[in-house]
N, C-alpha and C. Protein backbone atom coordinates (compact mmCIF):
# COMPACT_ATOMS: atom_id res chain seq x y z
N MET A 1 -31.23 9.10 90.69
CA MET A 1 -29.80 9.17 90.41
C MET A 1 -29.44 10.64 90.23
N GLN A 2 -28.25 11.01 90.71
CA GLN A 2 -27.83 12.40 90.68
C GLN A 2 -26.34 12.46 90.37
N THR A 3 -25.95 13.37 89.53
CA THR A 3 -24.54 13.56 89.21
C THR A 3 -24.19 15.02 89.43
N ARG A 4 -23.08 15.25 90.09
CA ARG A 4 -22.58 16.61 90.29
C ARG A 4 -21.16 16.67 89.75
N ILE A 5 -20.84 17.74 89.11
CA ILE A 5 -19.50 17.90 88.56
C ILE A 5 -18.64 18.75 89.49
N SER A 6 -19.16 19.86 89.96
CA SER A 6 -18.37 20.81 90.74
C SER A 6 -18.73 20.74 92.23
N ARG A 7 -17.70 20.77 93.08
CA ARG A 7 -17.92 20.80 94.52
C ARG A 7 -18.74 22.03 94.91
N THR A 8 -18.57 23.12 94.19
CA THR A 8 -19.30 24.35 94.52
C THR A 8 -20.81 24.22 94.29
N ASP A 9 -21.23 23.20 93.54
CA ASP A 9 -22.66 22.94 93.34
C ASP A 9 -23.29 22.22 94.53
N ALA A 10 -22.45 21.60 95.35
CA ALA A 10 -22.95 20.81 96.49
C ALA A 10 -23.31 21.74 97.65
N THR A 11 -24.52 21.59 98.15
CA THR A 11 -24.99 22.44 99.24
C THR A 11 -24.34 22.03 100.56
N PRO A 12 -23.68 22.96 101.27
CA PRO A 12 -23.14 22.62 102.59
C PRO A 12 -24.26 22.49 103.62
N VAL A 13 -24.21 21.42 104.39
CA VAL A 13 -25.21 21.16 105.43
C VAL A 13 -24.46 21.00 106.75
N GLU A 14 -24.82 21.80 107.76
CA GLU A 14 -24.19 21.66 109.07
C GLU A 14 -24.87 20.51 109.82
N MET A 15 -24.12 19.41 109.96
CA MET A 15 -24.64 18.21 110.62
C MET A 15 -24.64 18.36 112.14
N LEU A 16 -23.58 18.95 112.64
CA LEU A 16 -23.38 19.30 114.05
C LEU A 16 -22.61 20.62 114.03
N PRO A 17 -22.59 21.37 115.13
CA PRO A 17 -21.77 22.58 115.14
C PRO A 17 -20.31 22.25 114.76
N GLY A 18 -19.82 22.86 113.71
CA GLY A 18 -18.44 22.64 113.27
C GLY A 18 -18.25 21.48 112.31
N LEU A 19 -19.32 20.78 111.94
CA LEU A 19 -19.23 19.64 111.01
C LEU A 19 -20.13 19.91 109.81
N ILE A 20 -19.51 20.03 108.63
CA ILE A 20 -20.23 20.34 107.39
C ILE A 20 -20.17 19.14 106.45
N ARG A 21 -21.33 18.77 105.88
CA ARG A 21 -21.41 17.71 104.88
C ARG A 21 -21.77 18.33 103.54
N ARG A 22 -21.09 17.87 102.50
CA ARG A 22 -21.48 18.18 101.13
C ARG A 22 -21.72 16.85 100.42
N THR A 23 -22.95 16.62 99.97
CA THR A 23 -23.25 15.42 99.20
C THR A 23 -22.85 15.72 97.76
N LEU A 24 -21.88 14.96 97.24
CA LEU A 24 -21.29 15.27 95.95
C LEU A 24 -22.02 14.59 94.80
N ALA A 25 -22.30 13.30 94.92
CA ALA A 25 -23.01 12.58 93.86
C ALA A 25 -23.51 11.26 94.41
N TRP A 26 -24.50 10.69 93.74
CA TRP A 26 -25.01 9.37 94.11
C TRP A 26 -25.58 8.68 92.89
N GLY A 27 -25.58 7.36 92.98
CA GLY A 27 -26.15 6.52 91.95
C GLY A 27 -27.23 5.66 92.57
N GLU A 28 -27.45 4.51 92.00
CA GLU A 28 -28.48 3.60 92.52
C GLU A 28 -28.05 2.92 93.80
N LYS A 29 -26.73 2.64 93.95
CA LYS A 29 -26.27 1.83 95.07
C LYS A 29 -25.24 2.48 95.97
N ALA A 30 -24.71 3.64 95.60
CA ALA A 30 -23.67 4.27 96.41
C ALA A 30 -23.76 5.79 96.32
N MET A 31 -23.18 6.43 97.34
CA MET A 31 -23.20 7.89 97.47
C MET A 31 -21.82 8.33 97.97
N ILE A 32 -21.34 9.47 97.49
CA ILE A 32 -20.08 10.02 97.97
C ILE A 32 -20.32 11.40 98.57
N CYS A 33 -19.72 11.62 99.75
CA CYS A 33 -19.89 12.88 100.49
C CYS A 33 -18.53 13.38 100.96
N GLU A 34 -18.44 14.69 101.12
CA GLU A 34 -17.29 15.32 101.73
C GLU A 34 -17.72 15.85 103.10
N PHE A 35 -16.90 15.61 104.10
CA PHE A 35 -17.14 16.15 105.44
C PHE A 35 -15.95 17.01 105.83
N THR A 36 -16.22 18.21 106.34
CA THR A 36 -15.17 19.05 106.91
C THR A 36 -15.55 19.30 108.37
N ALA A 37 -14.55 19.19 109.22
CA ALA A 37 -14.81 19.33 110.66
C ALA A 37 -13.76 20.22 111.29
N GLU A 38 -14.20 21.03 112.22
CA GLU A 38 -13.29 21.84 113.02
C GLU A 38 -12.67 20.96 114.11
N GLU A 39 -11.54 21.39 114.61
CA GLU A 39 -10.90 20.70 115.73
C GLU A 39 -11.87 20.61 116.90
N GLY A 40 -11.94 19.42 117.52
CA GLY A 40 -12.76 19.23 118.71
C GLY A 40 -14.16 18.69 118.46
N VAL A 41 -14.60 18.68 117.21
CA VAL A 41 -15.94 18.14 116.92
C VAL A 41 -15.99 16.67 117.29
N ILE A 42 -17.08 16.26 117.93
CA ILE A 42 -17.29 14.85 118.30
C ILE A 42 -18.60 14.38 117.68
N ILE A 43 -18.50 13.28 116.93
CA ILE A 43 -19.70 12.59 116.44
C ILE A 43 -19.94 11.46 117.42
N PRO A 44 -21.06 11.49 118.15
CA PRO A 44 -21.30 10.45 119.17
C PRO A 44 -21.48 9.06 118.56
N MET A 45 -21.32 8.06 119.41
CA MET A 45 -21.49 6.67 118.99
C MET A 45 -22.87 6.50 118.35
N HIS A 46 -22.88 5.86 117.19
CA HIS A 46 -24.11 5.61 116.45
C HIS A 46 -23.88 4.45 115.49
N SER A 47 -24.92 3.99 114.87
CA SER A 47 -24.79 2.97 113.82
C SER A 47 -25.90 3.20 112.80
N HIS A 48 -25.71 2.64 111.63
CA HIS A 48 -26.69 2.71 110.55
C HIS A 48 -26.47 1.48 109.67
N HIS A 49 -27.45 1.18 108.86
CA HIS A 49 -27.33 -0.04 108.05
C HIS A 49 -26.41 0.12 106.84
N HIS A 50 -25.94 1.34 106.58
CA HIS A 50 -25.10 1.60 105.43
C HIS A 50 -23.65 1.16 105.67
N GLU A 51 -23.03 0.54 104.67
CA GLU A 51 -21.60 0.35 104.67
C GLU A 51 -20.97 1.72 104.45
N GLN A 52 -19.85 2.00 105.12
CA GLN A 52 -19.21 3.32 105.06
C GLN A 52 -17.72 3.12 104.83
N VAL A 53 -17.22 3.71 103.76
CA VAL A 53 -15.80 3.64 103.42
C VAL A 53 -15.30 5.07 103.30
N GLY A 54 -14.15 5.38 103.93
CA GLY A 54 -13.69 6.76 103.93
C GLY A 54 -12.21 6.91 103.68
N TYR A 55 -11.83 8.16 103.36
CA TYR A 55 -10.45 8.54 103.10
C TYR A 55 -10.22 9.90 103.73
N VAL A 56 -9.14 10.05 104.50
CA VAL A 56 -8.81 11.32 105.13
C VAL A 56 -7.97 12.14 104.15
N LEU A 57 -8.58 13.18 103.59
CA LEU A 57 -7.85 14.05 102.67
C LEU A 57 -6.81 14.87 103.41
N GLU A 58 -7.22 15.46 104.53
CA GLU A 58 -6.30 16.22 105.36
C GLU A 58 -6.82 16.21 106.79
N GLY A 59 -5.88 16.24 107.72
CA GLY A 59 -6.28 16.29 109.12
C GLY A 59 -5.99 15.02 109.88
N ARG A 60 -6.71 14.88 110.98
CA ARG A 60 -6.49 13.75 111.90
C ARG A 60 -7.77 13.54 112.70
N VAL A 61 -8.26 12.30 112.71
CA VAL A 61 -9.50 11.98 113.40
C VAL A 61 -9.33 10.67 114.17
N GLN A 62 -9.85 10.66 115.37
CA GLN A 62 -9.84 9.44 116.19
C GLN A 62 -11.19 8.77 116.06
N PHE A 63 -11.18 7.52 115.62
CA PHE A 63 -12.41 6.74 115.50
C PHE A 63 -12.49 5.73 116.63
N THR A 64 -13.68 5.51 117.12
CA THR A 64 -13.97 4.38 117.98
C THR A 64 -14.97 3.53 117.22
N VAL A 65 -14.59 2.28 116.96
CA VAL A 65 -15.42 1.35 116.22
C VAL A 65 -15.64 0.15 117.13
N GLU A 66 -16.87 0.01 117.58
CA GLU A 66 -17.20 -0.98 118.62
C GLU A 66 -16.28 -0.74 119.81
N GLU A 67 -15.37 -1.64 120.09
CA GLU A 67 -14.46 -1.52 121.25
C GLU A 67 -13.08 -0.98 120.88
N GLU A 68 -12.79 -0.84 119.58
CA GLU A 68 -11.46 -0.45 119.11
C GLU A 68 -11.38 1.06 118.84
N THR A 69 -10.27 1.68 119.24
CA THR A 69 -10.02 3.09 118.95
C THR A 69 -8.74 3.19 118.13
N PHE A 70 -8.77 4.02 117.07
CA PHE A 70 -7.59 4.24 116.25
C PHE A 70 -7.63 5.65 115.70
N VAL A 71 -6.46 6.15 115.31
CA VAL A 71 -6.35 7.48 114.73
C VAL A 71 -6.07 7.33 113.24
N ALA A 72 -6.84 8.06 112.43
CA ALA A 72 -6.63 8.10 110.98
C ALA A 72 -6.07 9.48 110.63
N ASN A 73 -4.95 9.49 109.92
CA ASN A 73 -4.26 10.70 109.51
C ASN A 73 -4.46 10.93 108.01
N SER A 74 -4.01 12.08 107.52
CA SER A 74 -4.06 12.37 106.09
C SER A 74 -3.49 11.18 105.31
N GLY A 75 -4.22 10.74 104.29
CA GLY A 75 -3.79 9.62 103.47
C GLY A 75 -4.28 8.26 103.93
N ASP A 76 -4.88 8.19 105.13
CA ASP A 76 -5.39 6.92 105.64
C ASP A 76 -6.83 6.70 105.16
N SER A 77 -7.21 5.44 105.09
CA SER A 77 -8.58 5.09 104.73
C SER A 77 -9.12 4.08 105.73
N TYR A 78 -10.43 3.84 105.66
CA TYR A 78 -11.10 2.96 106.62
C TYR A 78 -12.38 2.43 105.99
N ALA A 79 -12.86 1.32 106.53
CA ALA A 79 -14.12 0.73 106.07
C ALA A 79 -14.89 0.24 107.29
N LEU A 80 -16.17 0.57 107.33
CA LEU A 80 -17.05 0.17 108.43
C LEU A 80 -18.23 -0.59 107.87
N PRO A 81 -18.41 -1.84 108.28
CA PRO A 81 -19.59 -2.57 107.84
C PRO A 81 -20.87 -1.92 108.37
N GLY A 82 -21.96 -2.15 107.69
CA GLY A 82 -23.24 -1.67 108.18
C GLY A 82 -23.55 -2.21 109.56
N HIS A 83 -24.34 -1.48 110.32
CA HIS A 83 -24.79 -1.87 111.67
C HIS A 83 -23.66 -1.89 112.71
N THR A 84 -22.50 -1.30 112.39
CA THR A 84 -21.36 -1.29 113.31
C THR A 84 -21.37 0.01 114.11
N PRO A 85 -21.44 -0.06 115.45
CA PRO A 85 -21.38 1.16 116.26
C PRO A 85 -20.03 1.86 116.08
N HIS A 86 -20.07 3.18 115.87
CA HIS A 86 -18.85 3.95 115.67
C HIS A 86 -19.05 5.40 116.09
N ALA A 87 -17.93 6.06 116.42
CA ALA A 87 -17.91 7.46 116.82
C ALA A 87 -16.64 8.09 116.26
N ALA A 88 -16.59 9.43 116.24
CA ALA A 88 -15.39 10.11 115.75
C ALA A 88 -15.12 11.35 116.58
N HIS A 89 -13.83 11.64 116.76
CA HIS A 89 -13.38 12.86 117.46
C HIS A 89 -12.31 13.49 116.57
N PHE A 90 -12.58 14.68 116.07
CA PHE A 90 -11.67 15.36 115.17
C PHE A 90 -10.60 16.09 115.99
N LEU A 91 -9.35 15.67 115.81
CA LEU A 91 -8.25 16.15 116.63
C LEU A 91 -7.67 17.47 116.09
N VAL A 92 -7.83 17.72 114.82
CA VAL A 92 -7.42 18.96 114.15
C VAL A 92 -8.46 19.22 113.05
N PRO A 93 -8.46 20.39 112.42
CA PRO A 93 -9.36 20.58 111.29
C PRO A 93 -9.13 19.48 110.25
N THR A 94 -10.21 18.87 109.79
CA THR A 94 -10.10 17.65 108.98
C THR A 94 -11.10 17.67 107.83
N THR A 95 -10.69 17.08 106.71
CA THR A 95 -11.58 16.86 105.58
C THR A 95 -11.55 15.38 105.23
N LEU A 96 -12.74 14.79 105.16
CA LEU A 96 -12.91 13.37 104.81
C LEU A 96 -13.75 13.24 103.55
N ILE A 97 -13.50 12.19 102.79
CA ILE A 97 -14.39 11.78 101.72
C ILE A 97 -14.95 10.42 102.13
N GLU A 98 -16.27 10.28 102.12
CA GLU A 98 -16.89 9.01 102.52
C GLU A 98 -17.88 8.54 101.46
N VAL A 99 -17.90 7.23 101.28
CA VAL A 99 -18.84 6.57 100.38
C VAL A 99 -19.76 5.73 101.24
N PHE A 100 -21.06 5.83 100.96
CA PHE A 100 -22.07 5.05 101.67
C PHE A 100 -22.81 4.16 100.68
N SER A 101 -23.08 2.94 101.10
CA SER A 101 -23.88 2.03 100.29
C SER A 101 -24.76 1.22 101.24
N PRO A 102 -26.07 1.18 101.00
CA PRO A 102 -26.78 1.87 99.94
C PRO A 102 -26.79 3.39 100.17
N VAL A 103 -27.38 4.11 99.22
CA VAL A 103 -27.49 5.55 99.29
C VAL A 103 -28.24 5.94 100.56
N ARG A 104 -27.77 6.98 101.23
CA ARG A 104 -28.45 7.52 102.41
C ARG A 104 -29.50 8.54 101.94
N ALA A 105 -30.73 8.15 101.95
CA ALA A 105 -31.81 9.01 101.44
C ALA A 105 -31.82 10.35 102.16
N GLU A 106 -31.50 10.36 103.45
CA GLU A 106 -31.54 11.61 104.22
C GLU A 106 -30.40 12.56 103.83
N TYR A 107 -29.43 12.11 103.06
CA TYR A 107 -28.32 12.95 102.62
C TYR A 107 -28.52 13.49 101.19
N GLN A 108 -29.57 13.07 100.51
CA GLN A 108 -29.81 13.53 99.13
C GLN A 108 -30.29 14.94 99.11
């Protein structure tokens, strides 16, 4: 179990060129992360067993979830069940907050 108080304590990790993850805190069953992305970053289609719930703090991102495509803007939220194929294309510089359950060990 890990608790962080300040965002500045979270180590930035470049997941892809232009995509930075900060793991903020985690408990036994859930984890919260911040993602910042430059315009044009694409996260290719993938899936994982973790449930993923997110909130767009600022920006605009196009998600493809299985066969459906939608755009999430500042103030929008989304939920993806585990094992669901999904991809993202950041249309402008964007900041997301995402919660994963169970905890993603590779993000600790």
